[in-house]
Amino acid sequence: MVKNKAINHIRHQEVKKKHHHFEISKSEIAEDDYQEHDVLMKKLMQAIEELPPKAGLVFKMCFIENLSYKEIAAELGVSVNTVKTHITKSLKRLREDFKHELVLFFFSAENK
């Protein structure tokens, strides 16, 4: 019985070591992902700032302030189609700028 307890204790210690190593690796990966995300978001915000003024404003209102096309059109005094046009052109330009990045797959102009 003592022999089995000793073996179980040793096995448990080995599992704890592996788990500890996994936790360290996981935290390092999470930190790297966060840094990459931060850099990517800064690049994205810079690209949004470089859009034409009206298109950038409409884009921010839509995707950052989460306003509908109708709300944006009413606030800016333009038609809903004008808002759609600004969004479409902005998304096209940003997708071209970030064609190798995954971030813009999450932007959708549908159902606004």
N, C-alpha and C. Protein backbone atom coordinates (compact mmCIF):
# COMPACT_ATOMS: atom_id res chain seq x y z
N MET A 1 0.82 -1.18 0.00
CA MET A 1 0.00 0.00 0.00
C MET A 1 0.88 1.26 0.00
N VAL A 2 1.91 1.28 0.80
CA VAL A 2 2.81 2.42 0.87
C VAL A 2 3.51 2.61 -0.47
N LYS A 3 3.91 1.50 -1.09
CA LYS A 3 4.57 1.55 -2.38
C LYS A 3 3.66 2.20 -3.41
N ASN A 4 2.37 1.80 -3.44
CA ASN A 4 1.42 2.38 -4.40
C ASN A 4 1.20 3.87 -4.15
N LYS A 5 1.12 4.26 -2.88
CA LYS A 5 0.96 5.69 -2.55
C LYS A 5 2.15 6.49 -3.05
N ALA A 6 3.35 5.93 -2.86
CA ALA A 6 4.56 6.61 -3.31
C ALA A 6 4.57 6.76 -4.83
N ILE A 7 4.19 5.69 -5.54
CA ILE A 7 4.14 5.75 -7.01
C ILE A 7 3.10 6.77 -7.46
N ASN A 8 1.93 6.77 -6.83
CA ASN A 8 0.89 7.73 -7.18
C ASN A 8 1.34 9.17 -6.93
N HIS A 9 2.07 9.36 -5.82
CA HIS A 9 2.57 10.70 -5.51
C HIS A 9 3.56 11.16 -6.57
N ILE A 10 4.46 10.28 -6.99
CA ILE A 10 5.44 10.62 -8.03
C ILE A 10 4.73 10.94 -9.35
N ARG A 11 3.76 10.11 -9.70
CA ARG A 11 3.00 10.36 -10.93
C ARG A 11 2.28 11.70 -10.87
N HIS A 12 1.69 11.98 -9.72
CA HIS A 12 0.99 13.25 -9.55
C HIS A 12 1.95 14.43 -9.70
N GLN A 13 3.14 14.31 -9.16
CA GLN A 13 4.13 15.38 -9.29
C GLN A 13 4.51 15.60 -10.75
N GLU A 14 4.64 14.51 -11.52
CA GLU A 14 4.96 14.62 -12.95
C GLU A 14 3.84 15.32 -13.71
N VAL A 15 2.60 15.00 -13.38
CA VAL A 15 1.45 15.64 -14.02
C VAL A 15 1.44 17.13 -13.69
N LYS A 16 1.73 17.47 -12.44
CA LYS A 16 1.76 18.88 -12.03
C LYS A 16 2.84 19.64 -12.81
N LYS A 17 4.01 19.01 -13.01
CA LYS A 17 5.09 19.65 -13.77
C LYS A 17 4.65 19.92 -15.21
N LYS A 18 4.04 18.91 -15.84
CA LYS A 18 3.58 19.07 -17.22
C LYS A 18 2.53 20.16 -17.30
N HIS A 19 1.60 20.17 -16.36
CA HIS A 19 0.54 21.17 -16.35
C HIS A 19 1.12 22.58 -16.16
N HIS A 20 2.08 22.70 -15.26
CA HIS A 20 2.72 23.99 -15.01
C HIS A 20 3.43 24.49 -16.28
N HIS A 21 4.14 23.59 -16.96
CA HIS A 21 4.82 23.95 -18.20
C HIS A 21 3.79 24.39 -19.26
N PHE A 22 2.67 23.67 -19.35
CA PHE A 22 1.62 24.02 -20.30
C PHE A 22 1.06 25.41 -19.98
N GLU A 23 0.82 25.72 -18.72
CA GLU A 23 0.28 27.02 -18.32
C GLU A 23 1.25 28.14 -18.68
N ILE A 24 2.54 27.94 -18.49
CA ILE A 24 3.54 28.94 -18.86
C ILE A 24 3.51 29.17 -20.36
N SER A 25 3.49 28.10 -21.14
CA SER A 25 3.46 28.21 -22.60
C SER A 25 2.19 28.92 -23.05
N LYS A 26 1.08 28.57 -22.44
CA LYS A 26 -0.21 29.18 -22.79
C LYS A 26 -0.20 30.68 -22.51
N SER A 27 0.35 31.10 -21.40
CA SER A 27 0.38 32.52 -21.08
C SER A 27 1.31 33.28 -22.01
N GLU A 28 2.41 32.66 -22.43
CA GLU A 28 3.32 33.31 -23.38
C GLU A 28 2.64 33.48 -24.73
N ILE A 29 1.90 32.48 -25.16
CA ILE A 29 1.17 32.56 -26.43
C ILE A 29 0.09 33.64 -26.34
N ALA A 30 -0.63 33.68 -25.23
CA ALA A 30 -1.68 34.68 -25.07
C ALA A 30 -1.10 36.09 -25.12
N GLU A 31 0.06 36.29 -24.50
CA GLU A 31 0.70 37.60 -24.51
C GLU A 31 1.12 37.97 -25.93
N ASP A 32 1.67 37.02 -26.69
CA ASP A 32 2.06 37.27 -28.08
C ASP A 32 0.84 37.61 -28.92
N ASP A 33 -0.25 36.88 -28.74
CA ASP A 33 -1.48 37.15 -29.48
C ASP A 33 -2.00 38.54 -29.17
N TYR A 34 -1.94 38.93 -27.90
CA TYR A 34 -2.41 40.25 -27.50
C TYR A 34 -1.57 41.34 -28.16
N GLN A 35 -0.27 41.16 -28.19
CA GLN A 35 0.61 42.16 -28.81
C GLN A 35 0.33 42.26 -30.30
N GLU A 36 0.15 41.11 -30.97
CA GLU A 36 -0.16 41.12 -32.39
C GLU A 36 -1.50 41.79 -32.64
N HIS A 37 -2.48 41.51 -31.80
CA HIS A 37 -3.81 42.13 -31.91
C HIS A 37 -3.71 43.63 -31.74
N ASP A 38 -2.93 44.06 -30.76
CA ASP A 38 -2.77 45.49 -30.50
C ASP A 38 -2.14 46.20 -31.70
N VAL A 39 -1.12 45.61 -32.29
CA VAL A 39 -0.46 46.18 -33.46
C VAL A 39 -1.44 46.24 -34.63
N LEU A 40 -2.17 45.17 -34.83
CA LEU A 40 -3.14 45.11 -35.93
C LEU A 40 -4.24 46.15 -35.75
N MET A 41 -4.73 46.32 -34.54
CA MET A 41 -5.78 47.31 -34.29
C MET A 41 -5.27 48.73 -34.52
N LYS A 42 -4.03 48.99 -34.16
CA LYS A 42 -3.45 50.31 -34.42
C LYS A 42 -3.35 50.56 -35.91
N LYS A 43 -2.93 49.54 -36.67
CA LYS A 43 -2.85 49.68 -38.13
C LYS A 43 -4.24 49.90 -38.72
N LEU A 44 -5.22 49.18 -38.21
CA LEU A 44 -6.59 49.33 -38.70
C LEU A 44 -7.13 50.73 -38.41
N MET A 45 -6.92 51.21 -37.21
CA MET A 45 -7.41 52.55 -36.86
C MET A 45 -6.71 53.62 -37.71
N GLN A 46 -5.43 53.43 -37.98
CA GLN A 46 -4.69 54.36 -38.85
C GLN A 46 -5.28 54.34 -40.26
N ALA A 47 -5.59 53.14 -40.76
CA ALA A 47 -6.18 53.02 -42.10
C ALA A 47 -7.56 53.67 -42.15
N ILE A 48 -8.33 53.55 -41.09
CA ILE A 48 -9.65 54.20 -41.04
C ILE A 48 -9.48 55.71 -41.06
N GLU A 49 -8.48 56.21 -40.34
CA GLU A 49 -8.22 57.65 -40.32
C GLU A 49 -7.80 58.16 -41.69
N GLU A 50 -7.21 57.31 -42.52
CA GLU A 50 -6.75 57.71 -43.84
C GLU A 50 -7.85 57.65 -44.91
N LEU A 51 -9.03 57.14 -44.54
CA LEU A 51 -10.16 57.15 -45.47
C LEU A 51 -10.57 58.60 -45.74
N PRO A 52 -11.24 58.87 -46.85
CA PRO A 52 -11.77 60.22 -47.06
C PRO A 52 -12.62 60.63 -45.85
N PRO A 53 -12.63 61.91 -45.50
CA PRO A 53 -13.28 62.35 -44.25
C PRO A 53 -14.72 61.85 -44.07
N LYS A 54 -15.55 62.03 -45.06
CA LYS A 54 -16.96 61.63 -44.93
C LYS A 54 -17.08 60.10 -44.82
N ALA A 55 -16.32 59.38 -45.63
CA ALA A 55 -16.36 57.92 -45.59
C ALA A 55 -15.86 57.40 -44.25
N GLY A 56 -14.80 58.01 -43.73
CA GLY A 56 -14.27 57.61 -42.43
C GLY A 56 -15.27 57.85 -41.32
N LEU A 57 -15.95 58.98 -41.38
CA LEU A 57 -16.96 59.30 -40.37
C LEU A 57 -18.10 58.28 -40.42
N VAL A 58 -18.59 58.00 -41.62
CA VAL A 58 -19.68 57.04 -41.77
C VAL A 58 -19.23 55.66 -41.29
N PHE A 59 -18.03 55.25 -41.65
CA PHE A 59 -17.50 53.96 -41.23
C PHE A 59 -17.44 53.86 -39.71
N LYS A 60 -16.93 54.88 -39.05
CA LYS A 60 -16.84 54.88 -37.59
C LYS A 60 -18.22 54.82 -36.95
N MET A 61 -19.15 55.60 -37.51
CA MET A 61 -20.50 55.61 -36.95
C MET A 61 -21.15 54.23 -37.07
N CYS A 62 -20.87 53.57 -38.17
CA CYS A 62 -21.47 52.26 -38.41
C CYS A 62 -20.82 51.16 -37.57
N PHE A 63 -19.51 51.07 -37.59
CA PHE A 63 -18.83 49.94 -36.98
C PHE A 63 -18.31 50.19 -35.57
N ILE A 64 -18.08 51.43 -35.22
CA ILE A 64 -17.59 51.71 -33.87
C ILE A 64 -18.74 52.12 -32.96
N GLU A 65 -19.60 53.03 -33.46
CA GLU A 65 -20.74 53.46 -32.66
C GLU A 65 -21.95 52.54 -32.83
N ASN A 66 -21.86 51.63 -33.80
CA ASN A 66 -22.89 50.63 -34.06
C ASN A 66 -24.25 51.24 -34.40
N LEU A 67 -24.24 52.31 -35.19
CA LEU A 67 -25.48 52.92 -35.64
C LEU A 67 -25.95 52.26 -36.93
N SER A 68 -27.25 52.27 -37.15
CA SER A 68 -27.78 51.70 -38.39
C SER A 68 -27.59 52.71 -39.52
N TYR A 69 -27.73 52.22 -40.74
CA TYR A 69 -27.61 53.11 -41.91
C TYR A 69 -28.62 54.24 -41.81
N LYS A 70 -29.83 53.90 -41.40
CA LYS A 70 -30.90 54.90 -41.30
C LYS A 70 -30.54 55.98 -40.26
N GLU A 71 -30.00 55.57 -39.12
CA GLU A 71 -29.61 56.53 -38.08
C GLU A 71 -28.47 57.42 -38.57
N ILE A 72 -27.51 56.84 -39.26
CA ILE A 72 -26.39 57.62 -39.79
C ILE A 72 -26.89 58.62 -40.82
N ALA A 73 -27.76 58.16 -41.72
CA ALA A 73 -28.30 59.03 -42.76
C ALA A 73 -29.06 60.21 -42.15
N ALA A 74 -29.85 59.94 -41.12
CA ALA A 74 -30.61 61.01 -40.47
C ALA A 74 -29.69 62.00 -39.78
N GLU A 75 -28.67 61.50 -39.11
CA GLU A 75 -27.75 62.38 -38.39
C GLU A 75 -26.92 63.25 -39.34
N LEU A 76 -26.52 62.69 -40.48
CA LEU A 76 -25.68 63.44 -41.42
C LEU A 76 -26.48 64.18 -42.48
N GLY A 77 -27.77 63.92 -42.54
CA GLY A 77 -28.61 64.60 -43.53
C GLY A 77 -28.35 64.12 -44.95
N VAL A 78 -28.07 62.83 -45.11
CA VAL A 78 -27.84 62.24 -46.44
C VAL A 78 -28.79 61.05 -46.59
N SER A 79 -28.83 60.49 -47.80
CA SER A 79 -29.70 59.34 -48.01
C SER A 79 -29.04 58.06 -47.49
N VAL A 80 -29.87 57.06 -47.28
CA VAL A 80 -29.38 55.76 -46.84
C VAL A 80 -28.46 55.18 -47.91
N ASN A 81 -28.78 55.41 -49.18
CA ASN A 81 -27.92 54.91 -50.26
C ASN A 81 -26.54 55.55 -50.23
N THR A 82 -26.46 56.80 -49.85
CA THR A 82 -25.16 57.47 -49.72
C THR A 82 -24.34 56.80 -48.62
N VAL A 83 -25.00 56.48 -47.51
CA VAL A 83 -24.32 55.79 -46.41
C VAL A 83 -23.83 54.43 -46.89
N LYS A 84 -24.67 53.69 -47.60
CA LYS A 84 -24.28 52.37 -48.13
C LYS A 84 -23.06 52.50 -49.05
N THR A 85 -23.08 53.52 -49.88
CA THR A 85 -21.97 53.73 -50.81
C THR A 85 -20.67 53.99 -50.06
N HIS A 86 -20.73 54.85 -49.04
CA HIS A 86 -19.53 55.13 -48.24
C HIS A 86 -19.02 53.87 -47.56
N ILE A 87 -19.91 53.07 -46.99
CA ILE A 87 -19.51 51.84 -46.31
C ILE A 87 -18.89 50.86 -47.30
N THR A 88 -19.54 50.70 -48.45
CA THR A 88 -19.04 49.76 -49.46
C THR A 88 -17.65 50.15 -49.93
N LYS A 89 -17.45 51.43 -50.24
CA LYS A 89 -16.14 51.88 -50.71
C LYS A 89 -15.08 51.76 -49.61
N SER A 90 -15.46 52.08 -48.38
CA SER A 90 -14.51 51.98 -47.26
C SER A 90 -14.10 50.53 -47.03
N LEU A 91 -15.07 49.63 -47.02
CA LEU A 91 -14.75 48.21 -46.82
C LEU A 91 -13.87 47.68 -47.94
N LYS A 92 -14.16 48.09 -49.17
CA LYS A 92 -13.36 47.64 -50.30
C LYS A 92 -11.91 48.10 -50.13
N ARG A 93 -11.74 49.35 -49.76
CA ARG A 93 -10.39 49.88 -49.60
C ARG A 93 -9.65 49.20 -48.44
N LEU A 94 -10.35 49.02 -47.32
CA LEU A 94 -9.71 48.38 -46.16
C LEU A 94 -9.39 46.92 -46.44
N ARG A 95 -10.26 46.25 -47.17
CA ARG A 95 -9.97 44.86 -47.52
C ARG A 95 -8.73 44.76 -48.41
N GLU A 96 -8.58 45.74 -49.30
CA GLU A 96 -7.37 45.76 -50.14
C GLU A 96 -6.13 46.03 -49.30
N ASP A 97 -6.24 46.98 -48.37
CA ASP A 97 -5.11 47.32 -47.50
C ASP A 97 -4.72 46.16 -46.58
N PHE A 98 -5.71 45.37 -46.17
CA PHE A 98 -5.49 44.29 -45.21
C PHE A 98 -5.78 42.93 -45.82
N LYS A 99 -5.47 42.76 -47.09
CA LYS A 99 -5.83 41.52 -47.76
C LYS A 99 -5.14 40.30 -47.16
N HIS A 100 -4.04 40.50 -46.44
CA HIS A 100 -3.35 39.38 -45.83
C HIS A 100 -3.67 39.23 -44.35
N GLU A 101 -4.57 40.03 -43.87
CA GLU A 101 -4.96 39.98 -42.46
C GLU A 101 -6.38 39.42 -42.36
N LEU A 102 -6.69 38.82 -41.24
CA LEU A 102 -8.02 38.22 -41.05
C LEU A 102 -9.04 39.18 -40.46
N VAL A 103 -8.61 40.31 -39.98
CA VAL A 103 -9.48 41.18 -39.20
C VAL A 103 -10.74 41.62 -39.96
N LEU A 104 -10.64 41.88 -41.23
CA LEU A 104 -11.78 42.44 -41.95
C LEU A 104 -12.80 41.40 -42.38
N PHE A 105 -12.52 40.15 -42.13
CA PHE A 105 -13.55 39.16 -42.39
C PHE A 105 -14.71 39.34 -41.44
N PHE A 106 -14.47 40.03 -40.33
CA PHE A 106 -15.50 40.21 -39.33
C PHE A 106 -16.37 41.42 -39.62
N PHE A 107 -15.94 42.28 -40.52
CA PHE A 107 -16.74 43.42 -40.88
C PHE A 107 -17.73 43.02 -41.96
N SER A 108 -18.98 43.27 -41.70
CA SER A 108 -20.00 42.96 -42.68
C SER A 108 -20.94 44.15 -42.78
N ALA A 109 -21.26 44.52 -43.98
CA ALA A 109 -22.15 45.66 -44.19
C ALA A 109 -23.59 45.21 -44.35
N GLU A 110 -23.85 43.94 -44.21
CA GLU A 110 -25.20 43.42 -44.38
C GLU A 110 -26.04 43.66 -43.12
N ASN A 111 -27.33 43.80 -43.32
CA ASN A 111 -28.33 43.88 -42.25
C ASN A 111 -28.11 45.06 -41.31
N LYS A 112 -27.68 46.16 -41.82
CA LYS A 112 -27.52 47.34 -40.96
C LYS A 112 -28.75 48.16 -41.07
